[in-house]
Amino acid sequence: MIRLKRIYDSPNETDGFRILVDRLWPRGVKKVTAAIDCWARELAPSDDLRKKYHRDRDFGEFREAYLHELDTPEKVEAWRRILNKAAGKLITFLYASKERERNNAVVLKEWVEKQVKCDA
């Protein structure tokens, strides 16, 4: 099971394995107090895609392009390495966006859940 949470929300014991899924470190968050187990920059959208989304604000287009990026062998392998680190724990994807329903973590969660179904 994967949960989503803003990095600005307080950490909680029930978060399990906390993974920051943004390419850039969130403003105002100290690395010492972030309480992350892993920073998965390699799973974040490319800089070009991130910048295009911030400029155009078309979530549907962003979602499709990001899902395409995630299907590359490098991203699949990166996810498998992170999954091994999590060792069966509950996973919480952390993101900085103010938009809770339209951000990269939402798309990444969708992609991961699809991967799990394909592996089953």
N, C-alpha and C. Protein backbone atom coordinates (compact mmCIF):
# COMPACT_ATOMS: atom_id res chain seq x y z
N MET A 1 0.84 -1.19 0.00
CA MET A 1 0.00 0.00 0.00
C MET A 1 0.88 1.24 0.00
N ILE A 2 0.48 2.23 -0.78
CA ILE A 2 1.22 3.48 -0.88
C ILE A 2 0.30 4.63 -0.48
N ARG A 3 0.83 5.47 0.36
CA ARG A 3 0.12 6.69 0.77
C ARG A 3 0.82 7.89 0.16
N LEU A 4 0.10 9.00 0.09
CA LEU A 4 0.65 10.26 -0.38
C LEU A 4 0.56 11.29 0.74
N LYS A 5 1.59 12.13 0.83
CA LYS A 5 1.60 13.13 1.90
C LYS A 5 2.51 14.29 1.49
N ARG A 6 2.09 15.49 1.84
CA ARG A 6 2.97 16.64 1.60
C ARG A 6 4.15 16.58 2.56
N ILE A 7 5.31 16.93 2.07
CA ILE A 7 6.52 16.93 2.90
C ILE A 7 6.38 17.93 4.05
N TYR A 8 5.51 18.91 3.90
CA TYR A 8 5.31 19.93 4.93
C TYR A 8 4.41 19.45 6.06
N ASP A 9 3.69 18.35 5.86
CA ASP A 9 2.88 17.76 6.92
C ASP A 9 3.80 17.03 7.90
N SER A 10 3.43 17.00 9.15
CA SER A 10 4.26 16.38 10.18
C SER A 10 4.44 14.88 9.92
N PRO A 11 5.68 14.40 10.12
CA PRO A 11 5.90 12.96 10.01
C PRO A 11 5.13 12.22 11.09
N ASN A 12 4.79 10.98 10.78
CA ASN A 12 4.02 10.17 11.70
C ASN A 12 4.58 8.74 11.64
N GLU A 13 4.52 8.04 12.74
CA GLU A 13 5.01 6.66 12.77
C GLU A 13 4.27 5.77 11.76
N THR A 14 3.03 6.10 11.48
CA THR A 14 2.25 5.28 10.55
C THR A 14 2.62 5.54 9.09
N ASP A 15 3.54 6.48 8.83
CA ASP A 15 3.96 6.76 7.46
C ASP A 15 4.75 5.61 6.86
N GLY A 16 5.36 4.80 7.69
CA GLY A 16 6.19 3.71 7.17
C GLY A 16 7.46 4.24 6.54
N PHE A 17 7.79 3.75 5.36
CA PHE A 17 9.00 4.12 4.63
C PHE A 17 8.70 5.38 3.84
N ARG A 18 9.31 6.50 4.23
CA ARG A 18 9.01 7.81 3.64
C ARG A 18 9.96 8.12 2.49
N ILE A 19 9.38 8.33 1.30
CA ILE A 19 10.17 8.57 0.10
C ILE A 19 9.81 9.93 -0.50
N LEU A 20 10.78 10.83 -0.57
CA LEU A 20 10.58 12.10 -1.26
C LEU A 20 10.69 11.84 -2.75
N VAL A 21 9.64 12.18 -3.51
CA VAL A 21 9.59 11.86 -4.93
C VAL A 21 9.68 13.09 -5.83
N ASP A 22 10.22 14.18 -5.31
CA ASP A 22 10.43 15.40 -6.09
C ASP A 22 11.89 15.47 -6.54
N ARG A 23 12.13 16.08 -7.69
CA ARG A 23 13.49 16.24 -8.20
C ARG A 23 14.25 17.30 -7.41
N LEU A 24 13.54 18.34 -6.97
CA LEU A 24 14.17 19.43 -6.22
C LEU A 24 13.85 19.30 -4.74
N TRP A 25 14.80 19.70 -3.91
CA TRP A 25 14.54 19.68 -2.46
C TRP A 25 13.51 20.76 -2.15
N PRO A 26 12.50 20.45 -1.34
CA PRO A 26 11.43 21.43 -1.03
C PRO A 26 11.94 22.61 -0.21
N ARG A 27 11.45 23.78 -0.58
CA ARG A 27 11.85 25.02 0.11
C ARG A 27 11.43 24.98 1.56
N GLY A 28 12.32 25.45 2.42
CA GLY A 28 12.00 25.61 3.83
C GLY A 28 12.05 24.33 4.64
N VAL A 29 12.40 23.21 4.03
CA VAL A 29 12.46 21.95 4.76
C VAL A 29 13.93 21.62 5.02
N LYS A 30 14.26 21.43 6.28
CA LYS A 30 15.63 21.08 6.63
C LYS A 30 15.82 19.58 6.46
N LYS A 31 16.94 19.21 5.86
CA LYS A 31 17.20 17.79 5.62
C LYS A 31 17.25 17.00 6.93
N VAL A 32 17.69 17.64 7.98
CA VAL A 32 17.82 16.97 9.27
C VAL A 32 16.44 16.62 9.84
N THR A 33 15.46 17.46 9.61
CA THR A 33 14.13 17.24 10.20
C THR A 33 13.10 16.68 9.21
N ALA A 34 13.50 16.40 7.98
CA ALA A 34 12.56 15.93 6.96
C ALA A 34 12.04 14.52 7.23
N ALA A 35 12.78 13.75 7.96
CA ALA A 35 12.38 12.38 8.33
C ALA A 35 12.07 11.54 7.10
N ILE A 36 12.96 11.62 6.10
CA ILE A 36 12.78 10.77 4.92
C ILE A 36 13.73 9.58 5.01
N ASP A 37 13.28 8.49 4.43
CA ASP A 37 14.12 7.29 4.36
C ASP A 37 14.86 7.22 3.03
N CYS A 38 14.33 7.92 2.03
CA CYS A 38 14.90 7.84 0.70
C CYS A 38 14.46 9.06 -0.10
N TRP A 39 15.39 9.61 -0.88
CA TRP A 39 15.05 10.69 -1.80
C TRP A 39 15.16 10.11 -3.20
N ALA A 40 14.05 9.87 -3.84
CA ALA A 40 14.00 9.19 -5.14
C ALA A 40 13.95 10.18 -6.30
N ARG A 41 14.99 10.98 -6.43
CA ARG A 41 15.05 11.94 -7.53
C ARG A 41 14.93 11.26 -8.89
N GLU A 42 15.48 10.03 -8.96
CA GLU A 42 15.49 9.32 -10.24
C GLU A 42 14.09 8.91 -10.69
N LEU A 43 13.11 8.93 -9.79
CA LEU A 43 11.73 8.62 -10.16
C LEU A 43 10.91 9.88 -10.44
N ALA A 44 11.46 11.03 -10.15
CA ALA A 44 10.74 12.28 -10.36
C ALA A 44 10.67 12.60 -11.86
N PRO A 45 9.72 13.44 -12.26
CA PRO A 45 9.66 13.85 -13.66
C PRO A 45 10.95 14.54 -14.07
N SER A 46 11.30 14.43 -15.34
CA SER A 46 12.49 15.11 -15.86
C SER A 46 12.34 16.61 -15.66
N ASP A 47 13.45 17.32 -15.67
CA ASP A 47 13.40 18.78 -15.53
C ASP A 47 12.54 19.41 -16.62
N ASP A 48 12.70 18.94 -17.85
CA ASP A 48 11.92 19.50 -18.96
C ASP A 48 10.42 19.32 -18.74
N LEU A 49 10.03 18.13 -18.32
CA LEU A 49 8.61 17.86 -18.09
C LEU A 49 8.08 18.67 -16.91
N ARG A 50 8.86 18.75 -15.85
CA ARG A 50 8.45 19.52 -14.67
C ARG A 50 8.25 20.99 -15.04
N LYS A 51 9.18 21.55 -15.78
CA LYS A 51 9.08 22.96 -16.18
C LYS A 51 7.90 23.20 -17.11
N LYS A 52 7.67 22.26 -18.04
CA LYS A 52 6.54 22.39 -18.96
C LYS A 52 5.22 22.38 -18.20
N TYR A 53 5.09 21.49 -17.22
CA TYR A 53 3.85 21.44 -16.43
C TYR A 53 3.65 22.73 -15.65
N HIS A 54 4.70 23.26 -15.06
CA HIS A 54 4.56 24.51 -14.30
C HIS A 54 4.17 25.67 -15.21
N ARG A 55 4.62 25.60 -16.46
CA ARG A 55 4.29 26.66 -17.41
C ARG A 55 2.88 26.49 -17.97
N ASP A 56 2.52 25.28 -18.41
CA ASP A 56 1.26 25.05 -19.12
C ASP A 56 0.09 24.68 -18.22
N ARG A 57 0.37 24.06 -17.08
CA ARG A 57 -0.65 23.64 -16.10
C ARG A 57 -1.66 22.65 -16.67
N ASP A 58 -1.27 21.86 -17.66
CA ASP A 58 -2.15 20.85 -18.26
C ASP A 58 -1.83 19.50 -17.61
N PHE A 59 -2.60 19.14 -16.58
CA PHE A 59 -2.30 17.92 -15.83
C PHE A 59 -2.46 16.65 -16.67
N GLY A 60 -3.46 16.62 -17.53
CA GLY A 60 -3.66 15.45 -18.38
C GLY A 60 -2.45 15.18 -19.27
N GLU A 61 -1.94 16.22 -19.88
CA GLU A 61 -0.75 16.10 -20.73
C GLU A 61 0.46 15.70 -19.89
N PHE A 62 0.61 16.33 -18.74
CA PHE A 62 1.72 16.00 -17.83
C PHE A 62 1.64 14.53 -17.42
N ARG A 63 0.46 14.09 -17.03
CA ARG A 63 0.27 12.71 -16.57
C ARG A 63 0.71 11.72 -17.64
N GLU A 64 0.25 11.93 -18.87
CA GLU A 64 0.60 11.01 -19.96
C GLU A 64 2.11 11.01 -20.22
N ALA A 65 2.71 12.18 -20.25
CA ALA A 65 4.15 12.27 -20.51
C ALA A 65 4.95 11.64 -19.37
N TYR A 66 4.52 11.87 -18.14
CA TYR A 66 5.24 11.31 -16.99
C TYR A 66 5.10 9.78 -16.95
N LEU A 67 3.91 9.26 -17.24
CA LEU A 67 3.72 7.81 -17.30
C LEU A 67 4.64 7.20 -18.36
N HIS A 68 4.79 7.90 -19.47
CA HIS A 68 5.70 7.45 -20.53
C HIS A 68 7.14 7.42 -20.02
N GLU A 69 7.55 8.47 -19.31
CA GLU A 69 8.90 8.51 -18.71
C GLU A 69 9.10 7.35 -17.73
N LEU A 70 8.09 7.08 -16.93
CA LEU A 70 8.22 6.03 -15.91
C LEU A 70 8.36 4.64 -16.51
N ASP A 71 7.92 4.45 -17.74
CA ASP A 71 8.00 3.13 -18.36
C ASP A 71 9.38 2.81 -18.94
N THR A 72 10.35 3.69 -18.74
CA THR A 72 11.70 3.39 -19.24
C THR A 72 12.37 2.37 -18.32
N PRO A 73 13.26 1.56 -18.86
CA PRO A 73 13.95 0.55 -18.04
C PRO A 73 14.68 1.15 -16.83
N GLU A 74 15.23 2.35 -16.98
CA GLU A 74 15.95 2.99 -15.87
C GLU A 74 15.02 3.29 -14.70
N LYS A 75 13.83 3.78 -15.01
CA LYS A 75 12.88 4.11 -13.94
C LYS A 75 12.33 2.84 -13.29
N VAL A 76 12.07 1.83 -14.09
CA VAL A 76 11.59 0.56 -13.53
C VAL A 76 12.62 -0.03 -12.59
N GLU A 77 13.88 -0.01 -13.01
CA GLU A 77 14.96 -0.54 -12.17
C GLU A 77 15.12 0.30 -10.90
N ALA A 78 15.03 1.62 -11.02
CA ALA A 78 15.13 2.50 -9.85
C ALA A 78 14.02 2.17 -8.85
N TRP A 79 12.80 1.95 -9.35
CA TRP A 79 11.69 1.60 -8.47
C TRP A 79 11.96 0.28 -7.75
N ARG A 80 12.49 -0.70 -8.47
CA ARG A 80 12.77 -1.99 -7.84
C ARG A 80 13.83 -1.87 -6.74
N ARG A 81 14.84 -1.05 -6.96
CA ARG A 81 15.87 -0.82 -5.92
C ARG A 81 15.25 -0.19 -4.67
N ILE A 82 14.37 0.79 -4.89
CA ILE A 82 13.72 1.47 -3.76
C ILE A 82 12.78 0.50 -3.04
N LEU A 83 12.07 -0.29 -3.78
CA LEU A 83 11.16 -1.27 -3.18
C LEU A 83 11.94 -2.25 -2.30
N ASN A 84 13.11 -2.64 -2.72
CA ASN A 84 13.96 -3.51 -1.90
C ASN A 84 14.37 -2.83 -0.60
N LYS A 85 14.66 -1.53 -0.67
CA LYS A 85 15.02 -0.78 0.55
C LYS A 85 13.84 -0.71 1.52
N ALA A 86 12.63 -0.60 0.97
CA ALA A 86 11.44 -0.48 1.82
C ALA A 86 11.12 -1.79 2.52
N ALA A 87 11.60 -2.89 1.98
CA ALA A 87 11.49 -4.21 2.62
C ALA A 87 10.10 -4.53 3.16
N GLY A 88 9.08 -4.38 2.34
CA GLY A 88 7.73 -4.78 2.74
C GLY A 88 6.99 -3.82 3.65
N LYS A 89 7.58 -2.68 3.95
CA LYS A 89 6.91 -1.69 4.81
C LYS A 89 5.87 -0.91 4.00
N LEU A 90 4.95 -0.30 4.72
CA LEU A 90 4.05 0.67 4.11
C LEU A 90 4.92 1.79 3.53
N ILE A 91 4.56 2.30 2.37
CA ILE A 91 5.34 3.36 1.72
C ILE A 91 4.50 4.63 1.66
N THR A 92 5.15 5.76 1.98
CA THR A 92 4.52 7.07 1.83
C THR A 92 5.36 7.89 0.87
N PHE A 93 4.73 8.32 -0.25
CA PHE A 93 5.38 9.22 -1.19
C PHE A 93 5.18 10.64 -0.68
N LEU A 94 6.27 11.36 -0.55
CA LEU A 94 6.23 12.75 -0.10
C LEU A 94 6.46 13.68 -1.28
N TYR A 95 5.70 14.76 -1.32
CA TYR A 95 5.80 15.74 -2.40
C TYR A 95 5.63 17.13 -1.81
N ALA A 96 6.07 18.15 -2.55
CA ALA A 96 6.00 19.53 -2.05
C ALA A 96 4.81 20.31 -2.60
N SER A 97 4.24 19.88 -3.68
CA SER A 97 3.17 20.61 -4.35
C SER A 97 2.02 20.96 -3.41
N LYS A 98 1.45 22.14 -3.60
CA LYS A 98 0.26 22.53 -2.85
C LYS A 98 -0.98 21.81 -3.36
N GLU A 99 -0.92 21.35 -4.60
CA GLU A 99 -2.06 20.66 -5.21
C GLU A 99 -2.01 19.19 -4.82
N ARG A 100 -2.92 18.78 -3.97
CA ARG A 100 -2.90 17.41 -3.45
C ARG A 100 -3.41 16.37 -4.45
N GLU A 101 -4.21 16.78 -5.41
CA GLU A 101 -4.80 15.83 -6.35
C GLU A 101 -4.12 15.83 -7.72
N ARG A 102 -3.28 16.82 -7.98
CA ARG A 102 -2.68 16.98 -9.30
C ARG A 102 -1.19 17.25 -9.16
N ASN A 103 -0.44 16.18 -8.89
CA ASN A 103 1.00 16.32 -8.73
C ASN A 103 1.69 15.03 -9.17
N ASN A 104 3.00 15.06 -9.22
CA ASN A 104 3.75 13.90 -9.69
C ASN A 104 3.59 12.67 -8.80
N ALA A 105 3.41 12.86 -7.51
CA ALA A 105 3.25 11.72 -6.59
C ALA A 105 1.98 10.94 -6.91
N VAL A 106 0.92 11.63 -7.30
CA VAL A 106 -0.34 10.98 -7.68
C VAL A 106 -0.11 10.07 -8.88
N VAL A 107 0.61 10.59 -9.86
CA VAL A 107 0.89 9.82 -11.08
C VAL A 107 1.83 8.65 -10.77
N LEU A 108 2.85 8.90 -9.96
CA LEU A 108 3.79 7.84 -9.59
C LEU A 108 3.07 6.72 -8.85
N LYS A 109 2.19 7.07 -7.94
CA LYS A 109 1.41 6.06 -7.20
C LYS A 109 0.58 5.23 -8.18
N GLU A 110 -0.08 5.88 -9.13
CA GLU A 110 -0.86 5.17 -10.14
C GLU A 110 0.03 4.19 -10.91
N TRP A 111 1.21 4.65 -11.33
CA TRP A 111 2.13 3.82 -12.08
C TRP A 111 2.61 2.62 -11.26
N VAL A 112 2.97 2.87 -9.99
CA VAL A 112 3.46 1.79 -9.13
C VAL A 112 2.37 0.75 -8.92
N GLU A 113 1.15 1.19 -8.68
CA GLU A 113 0.04 0.25 -8.46
C GLU A 113 -0.20 -0.60 -9.72
N LYS A 114 -0.01 -0.01 -10.88
CA LYS A 114 -0.12 -0.75 -12.13
C LYS A 114 1.00 -1.78 -12.24
N GLN A 115 2.22 -1.41 -11.81
CA GLN A 115 3.35 -2.33 -11.84
C GLN A 115 3.09 -3.54 -10.94
N VAL A 116 2.53 -3.28 -9.78
CA VAL A 116 2.25 -4.35 -8.82
C VAL A 116 1.25 -5.33 -9.41
N LYS A 117 0.20 -4.82 -10.08
CA LYS A 117 -0.80 -5.68 -10.71
C LYS A 117 -0.18 -6.53 -11.82
N CYS A 118 0.76 -5.93 -12.57
CA CYS A 118 1.42 -6.66 -13.66
C CYS A 118 2.34 -7.75 -13.12
N ASP A 119 2.95 -7.51 -11.96
CA ASP A 119 3.86 -8.49 -11.36
C ASP A 119 3.12 -9.63 -10.68
N ALA A 120 1.86 -9.40 -10.35
CA ALA A 120 1.07 -10.41 -9.60
C ALA A 120 0.65 -11.57 -10.47
